[in-house]
Amino acid sequence: MKILVIALSGIGDALMFTPALKILKQELSSADVDVLVMFGGAKDIFLNNPNVNKLIHFNFLKEGIFNSLKFVLSIRNKYDVTINVYPSNRKEYNIISFLIGAKKRVAVEYLRMNGENFGWLNNITVREDDTLHNVQTNIKMVEKLLNKKTDEEPPLQLFLKEVDLQFADNYLKEKKISEDDFVIGIHPGCATLKNHIKRRWEPEKFAQLSDELIKKYSAKILIFGGPEESELKEQVAERIKSDKAIIIETDSLSKSSAIMKRCNLFVTNDSALMHIASALSLPVVAVIGPTNVNYIHPWKTKYKIASLNLDCSPCFFYSPKPLSCKRDDVKFKCIKELKVENVLAVIESFLSERNKF
């Protein structure tokens, strides 16, 4: 059997499929399981995964319609099964799966805009459930394909190479991070497509929070983010009054992830790095505004959520529509009025339990 996992959405979404991928390969050990990704970061997630037979990287956005169609037709009828990872509620992903020509096309039947996005092109589906984590929904898809219920819910799977771990050791030595230092990683960014930039806590608040953590805990702050977030990281760093903040710049997600392993705590927006922190088993404080926490809370690691828990939250569910706010008083109040002291209180309650983790 040849199976193609179609993971064309974000880095975090790719990572949240890895527990289901582990189960799939355990149950169908003789099957070839290939993975198709669009973003370089998602490629890094699967690069060293032993459950992947072949990793295919094709940037549909960059290549355009003609080259994309040519590529899809080049792999047509080569697979018995395609699986669209959850979430991927876009008609383009369903069309790609259909054109590949697998007899079994596994996907989620979405509660919102499923028909408009050609969800009916899939023939093995599970109904979306807003109470479940993305990992659990991905596992349910694999169970439906296998026609078998499994009780296993593995942790996120991230495999770092020794060369990346050695790079991290050298990097930390250069930055004078010792074994005795209390290190807190922060990620002030998140995805920006479809107005998701509105999920971000303000950079000045991350800076103020960092000042408090440095003052109260003598913490060293590592500022993480992708190459497209360099300016954002600078904005945070220049607002931090102490010299104990370090901007992390590397040429790969794997190297950044290896450096993240050193963190004693990770404070982050709802982002791909939140899920990487989970995969690394780091204690996580997640700053959450409009997102449904059931979907994305840090998986299989110790965590706390910093949120205002407004009556209108959550308002972000999986749909191709851009993120929007229907409040009349303060747009995206859930994130804009989340104060530094709110997040600091959550962190302090977590740190008071440090001996437990």
Foldseek 3Di string as FASTA:
>chain_A
DEEEEEEADDLQLLLLLQQLLVVLCVVVVVYAYAYEYADPSSCLQCVPPPSHPYYHYHNDVVVDDPVVLVVLLVQAPVGQEYEYQPPDQALVVLVSQVRSHHPAYFYEQEPPCSVVSVVVSHDQYHYDDLLAASSVRSNVRSCSVVVHDDPDRDAGDGDFDPVLLVLLVVVCVVVVNDLPAAEEEEEQAADPPLNCRLQGFQLLLVQVLVLVCCVPPVHQYEYDDDPVCPVSSVVNVVNRPDPSYHYDDDDGPSNVLSNLLSHQEYEYEQHSVLQSCLNSQHEYEYEGFQDSCNHGPRPPHHYHYQWPPDPCHNPDDDDPHRDFADDPPDTSCGRHVRHSVSSSVVVVVVVVCSVVD
